[in-house]
Amino acid sequence: MKAIITDLDRTLLRTDKTVSEYTHTILKKCHERGILLMAATARPERTVLTYQKQIGFEAITTLNGARIILPHETIENGILTSSAERIIKKVIEIPDVVLSLETGNGLFSNTDLPEWSVTAFDGFPALPTESIIYKILLSAKESNIQKEISMALTSDTYMTVAEGKLIQIMSTEATKWNGIKAMLEAAGVKQDEAVYFGDDNDDIEPIMKCGVGVAVSNGIDKVLDAADFITETNDMDGVARYIEKNLL
């Protein structure tokens, strides 16, 4: 394998969001052997910078592919303004919905979310900014809103569910796999020369299409079924243990 691509939360990162010393050591050896390290995550760029400084990823797919950061360019796959307006107008009517927008000017939400460092905005369905809209995030405390959300989608958007509860709406161009293809192409690496590690719904396509797809054992059943191999959990440094045993 010439490239290692990994999801972050619940995959490379431990549950407490740290990277263990053991994992750091293994990833450093990958650098020394000339194996490229890349990340593909649902996180926005601002929350990846700490890990980028620690690990030194060659390229990063952020926001599920809505923003792809390559060595010499950045690719953006935002939601069309007209589509975002149509969706928000419908979903804001759902009782108790928590609505957040990830944009080029940061995160806006109709609810105060201190852990996310959001800007509170009470003007929905109007858009809080004229900047690019990368992702619409939705959840509700008491009700299952997935069916209602799916009915609000436009033809150029899709939704995925993270950790069984957080609904994410993106442009159909914004997928982890599209981001991974762009990262590999920029690096001159073929798809079958890359190994991918993941745990959740948006990891299934890259797990199936990269040369080797590996699931951490804490992943959801669909990911475990799709994977070529299953490694230990994120809290047991499953990514690094697989790399040390099979790639170094």
Protein backbone atom coordinates (compact mmCIF):
# COMPACT_ATOMS: atom_id res chain seq x y z
CA MET A 1 0.00 0.00 0.00
CA LYS A 2 1.27 3.45 -0.95
CA ALA A 3 -1.36 5.43 0.98
CA ILE A 4 -3.22 5.06 4.26
CA ILE A 5 -6.52 6.94 4.52
CA THR A 6 -8.40 7.04 7.80
CA ASP A 7 -11.54 8.43 9.32
CA LEU A 8 -10.91 10.29 12.58
CA ASP A 9 -13.68 10.06 15.19
CA ARG A 10 -14.27 6.55 16.54
CA THR A 11 -11.58 5.26 14.18
CA LEU A 12 -8.10 6.79 14.47
CA LEU A 13 -9.01 8.89 17.51
CA ARG A 14 -9.76 7.35 20.85
CA THR A 15 -13.12 8.12 22.44
CA ASP A 16 -11.54 10.99 24.37
CA LYS A 17 -10.44 12.47 20.98
CA THR A 18 -6.73 11.83 21.57
CA VAL A 19 -4.13 10.02 19.48
CA SER A 20 -2.10 7.61 21.62
CA GLU A 21 1.70 7.64 21.78
CA TYR A 22 1.69 4.16 20.24
CA THR A 23 -0.35 5.37 17.26
CA HIS A 24 1.93 8.39 16.86
CA THR A 25 4.93 6.07 16.76
CA ILE A 26 3.40 3.83 14.10
CA LEU A 27 2.32 6.76 11.92
CA LYS A 28 5.81 8.25 12.17
CA LYS A 29 7.19 4.98 10.84
CA CYS A 30 4.78 5.24 7.90
CA HIS A 31 6.22 8.65 7.06
CA GLU A 32 9.73 7.22 7.28
CA ARG A 33 8.80 4.39 4.90
CA GLY A 34 7.30 6.80 2.37
CA ILE A 35 3.69 5.71 2.95
CA LEU A 36 1.36 8.68 2.49
CA LEU A 37 -1.07 9.49 5.31
CA MET A 38 -4.45 11.06 4.51
CA ALA A 39 -7.65 11.70 6.46
CA ALA A 40 -11.32 11.64 5.44
CA THR A 41 -13.65 13.03 8.07
CA ALA A 42 -17.02 14.66 8.68
CA ARG A 43 -15.25 17.31 10.75
CA PRO A 44 -14.72 20.86 9.48
CA GLU A 45 -11.15 21.98 8.80
CA ARG A 46 -10.85 24.06 11.98
CA THR A 47 -11.30 20.98 14.17
CA VAL A 48 -8.72 18.95 12.24
CA LEU A 49 -5.80 21.38 12.51
CA THR A 50 -4.53 19.98 15.83
CA TYR A 51 -4.32 16.46 14.38
CA GLN A 52 -2.77 17.78 11.18
CA LYS A 53 0.04 19.36 13.23
CA GLN A 54 0.54 16.13 15.19
CA ILE A 55 0.40 13.69 12.28
CA GLY A 56 1.16 15.59 9.08
CA PHE A 57 -1.50 14.34 6.68
CA GLU A 58 -0.64 14.66 2.99
CA ALA A 59 -4.23 15.71 2.23
CA ILE A 60 -7.54 15.89 4.10
CA THR A 61 -11.13 15.40 3.01
CA THR A 62 -13.26 17.41 5.45
CA LEU A 63 -17.01 17.82 5.90
CA ASN A 64 -17.71 14.48 4.20
CA GLY A 65 -16.12 15.75 0.99
CA ALA A 66 -17.60 19.25 0.95
CA ARG A 67 -14.08 20.70 1.34
CA ILE A 68 -11.05 18.75 0.09
CA ILE A 69 -7.65 20.12 1.10
CA LEU A 70 -4.90 19.05 -1.30
CA PRO A 71 -1.22 20.06 -1.23
CA HIS A 72 -1.65 22.70 -3.97
CA GLU A 73 -5.38 23.42 -4.13
CA THR A 74 -8.67 23.21 -2.26
CA ILE A 75 -11.84 21.77 -3.80
CA GLU A 76 -15.21 22.91 -2.49
CA ASN A 77 -18.50 21.07 -3.02
CA GLY A 78 -21.09 23.22 -1.28
CA ILE A 79 -24.88 23.05 -1.31
CA LEU A 80 -26.56 25.36 -3.81
CA THR A 81 -28.09 28.35 -2.05
CA SER A 82 -31.49 27.67 -3.61
CA SER A 83 -31.42 24.05 -2.40
CA ALA A 84 -30.35 25.05 1.11
CA GLU A 85 -33.18 27.57 1.31
CA ARG A 86 -35.79 25.02 0.19
CA ILE A 87 -34.59 22.40 2.67
CA ILE A 88 -34.31 24.75 5.63
CA LYS A 89 -37.77 26.17 5.00
CA LYS A 90 -39.20 22.66 5.40
CA VAL A 91 -37.11 21.23 8.21
CA ILE A 92 -37.30 24.28 10.49
CA GLU A 93 -40.99 23.46 10.95
CA ILE A 94 -40.20 20.11 12.62
CA PRO A 95 -40.92 20.39 16.37
CA ASP A 96 -37.84 20.67 18.61
CA VAL A 97 -35.45 20.33 15.68
CA VAL A 98 -31.86 21.38 16.27
CA LEU A 99 -30.66 22.96 13.02
CA SER A 100 -27.06 23.93 12.32
CA LEU A 101 -25.32 25.15 9.19
CA GLU A 102 -21.63 24.59 8.53
CA THR A 103 -20.53 27.47 6.30
CA GLY A 104 -17.46 29.27 5.07
CA ASN A 105 -18.02 31.74 7.92
CA GLY A 106 -18.30 29.08 10.61
CA LEU A 107 -21.15 27.19 12.25
CA PHE A 108 -24.57 28.74 12.85
CA SER A 109 -27.35 27.09 14.89
CA ASN A 110 -30.83 27.77 16.18
CA THR A 111 -29.71 26.37 19.55
CA ASP A 112 -26.77 27.22 21.78
CA LEU A 113 -24.25 24.37 21.47
CA PRO A 114 -21.20 25.33 23.58
CA GLU A 115 -19.28 22.17 22.68
CA TRP A 116 -19.48 23.08 18.98
CA SER A 117 -18.52 26.79 19.30
CA VAL A 118 -21.53 27.90 17.26
CA THR A 119 -22.91 31.31 16.43
CA ALA A 120 -26.54 31.46 17.57
CA PHE A 121 -28.98 32.48 14.83
CA ASP A 122 -32.73 32.88 15.34
CA GLY A 123 -33.58 34.02 11.82
CA PHE A 124 -34.11 30.66 10.09
CA PRO A 125 -35.42 29.90 7.47
CA ALA A 126 -33.43 32.89 6.20
CA LEU A 127 -29.76 32.06 5.64
CA PRO A 128 -27.36 33.49 8.24
CA THR A 129 -24.58 34.21 5.74
CA GLU A 130 -23.93 34.63 2.03
CA SER A 131 -20.87 32.38 2.34
CA ILE A 132 -20.71 28.84 0.95
CA ILE A 133 -22.88 26.28 2.75
CA TYR A 134 -21.05 23.00 3.22
CA LYS A 135 -23.46 21.02 5.34
CA ILE A 136 -26.86 21.13 7.08
CA LEU A 137 -26.92 19.32 10.44
CA LEU A 138 -30.14 18.18 12.09
CA SER A 139 -31.24 16.33 15.19
CA ALA A 140 -34.18 16.15 17.59
CA LYS A 141 -34.19 14.98 21.19
CA GLU A 142 -37.46 13.09 21.29
CA SER A 143 -38.50 12.09 17.77
CA ASN A 144 -37.10 10.14 14.84
CA ILE A 145 -36.99 12.74 12.09
CA GLN A 146 -35.15 10.84 9.36
CA LYS A 147 -38.24 10.24 7.21
CA GLU A 148 -39.30 13.88 7.39
CA ILE A 149 -35.80 15.04 6.51
CA SER A 150 -35.52 12.67 3.56
CA MET A 151 -38.72 14.13 2.11
CA ALA A 152 -37.24 17.64 2.30
CA LEU A 153 -34.16 16.80 0.23
CA THR A 154 -33.62 18.29 -3.21
CA SER A 155 -32.37 16.32 -6.23
CA ASP A 156 -28.82 17.65 -5.75
CA THR A 157 -28.50 16.78 -2.05
CA TYR A 158 -28.38 13.63 0.07
CA MET A 159 -28.32 12.76 3.75
CA THR A 160 -26.34 10.45 5.95
CA VAL A 161 -26.61 9.63 9.64
CA ALA A 162 -23.63 9.75 12.00
CA GLU A 163 -23.52 7.78 15.25
CA GLY A 164 -27.15 6.81 14.71
CA LYS A 165 -28.56 10.25 15.52
CA LEU A 166 -26.97 13.22 13.74
CA ILE A 167 -28.40 13.80 10.25
CA GLN A 168 -26.04 15.46 7.79
CA ILE A 169 -27.17 16.91 4.47
CA MET A 170 -24.61 17.61 1.76
CA SER A 171 -24.35 18.20 -1.97
CA THR A 172 -24.37 14.95 -3.95
CA GLU A 173 -20.84 15.92 -5.02
CA ALA A 174 -19.72 16.02 -1.38
CA THR A 175 -18.88 12.42 -0.47
CA LYS A 176 -15.88 10.95 1.25
CA TRP A 177 -15.23 8.78 -1.78
CA ASN A 178 -15.10 11.76 -4.14
CA GLY A 179 -12.68 13.41 -1.75
CA ILE A 180 -10.54 10.30 -1.56
CA LYS A 181 -10.40 9.99 -5.34
CA ALA A 182 -9.22 13.60 -5.57
CA MET A 183 -6.57 13.05 -2.87
CA LEU A 184 -5.23 9.90 -4.51
CA GLU A 185 -5.17 11.46 -7.96
CA ALA A 186 -3.22 14.46 -6.64
CA ALA A 187 -0.70 12.10 -5.05
CA GLY A 188 -0.42 9.86 -8.10
CA VAL A 189 -1.65 6.82 -6.18
CA LYS A 190 -4.06 4.25 -7.61
CA GLN A 191 -7.19 3.27 -5.69
CA ASP A 192 -5.99 -0.30 -5.25
CA GLU A 193 -2.77 1.01 -3.68
CA ALA A 194 -4.65 2.57 -0.74
CA VAL A 195 -6.02 1.15 2.50
CA TYR A 196 -8.98 2.80 4.20
CA PHE A 197 -10.05 2.67 7.87
CA GLY A 198 -13.55 3.60 9.07
CA ASP A 199 -16.50 2.90 11.35
CA ASP A 200 -19.73 4.58 10.16
CA ASN A 201 -22.16 4.91 7.24
CA ASP A 202 -20.12 7.34 5.17
CA ASP A 203 -17.12 5.00 5.40
CA ILE A 204 -18.80 2.12 3.59
CA GLU A 205 -18.11 3.30 0.03
CA PRO A 206 -14.38 3.97 0.56
CA ILE A 207 -13.99 0.72 2.48
CA MET A 208 -15.46 -1.15 -0.48
CA LYS A 209 -13.60 0.76 -3.22
CA CYS A 210 -10.08 1.19 -1.85
CA GLY A 211 -7.58 -1.62 -2.36
CA VAL A 212 -8.08 -2.76 1.24
CA GLY A 213 -10.96 -1.71 3.50
CA VAL A 214 -10.56 -2.11 7.26
CA ALA A 215 -13.21 -1.54 9.92
CA VAL A 216 -12.51 -0.93 13.58
CA SER A 217 -14.51 -3.45 15.60
CA ASN A 218 -16.54 -0.70 17.28
CA GLY A 219 -17.96 0.21 13.85
CA ILE A 220 -21.60 -0.25 12.89
CA ASP A 221 -22.69 -3.63 11.49
CA LYS A 222 -22.92 -2.37 7.88
CA VAL A 223 -19.28 -1.28 8.00
CA LEU A 224 -18.14 -4.56 9.55
CA ASP A 225 -19.96 -6.47 6.81
CA ALA A 226 -18.40 -4.35 4.04
CA ALA A 227 -14.81 -4.52 5.30
CA ASP A 228 -12.08 -6.83 4.02
CA PHE A 229 -10.63 -6.96 7.52
CA ILE A 230 -11.71 -6.00 11.04
CA THR A 231 -9.17 -4.64 13.50
CA GLU A 232 -9.41 -3.76 17.19
CA THR A 233 -11.47 -0.85 18.51
CA ASN A 234 -10.44 2.79 18.32
CA ASP A 235 -9.69 2.76 22.05
CA MET A 236 -7.36 -0.20 21.51
CA ASP A 237 -5.50 1.62 18.69
CA GLY A 238 -6.95 -0.70 16.06
CA VAL A 239 -5.72 1.38 13.11
CA ALA A 240 -2.13 1.46 14.30
CA ARG A 241 -2.16 -2.23 15.25
CA TYR A 242 -3.34 -3.21 11.77
CA ILE A 243 -0.69 -1.00 10.16
CA GLU A 244 2.14 -2.38 12.28
CA LYS A 245 1.13 -5.99 11.62
CA ASN A 246 0.31 -5.77 7.93
CA LEU A 247 1.97 -2.72 6.36
CA LEU A 248 5.27 -2.13 8.14
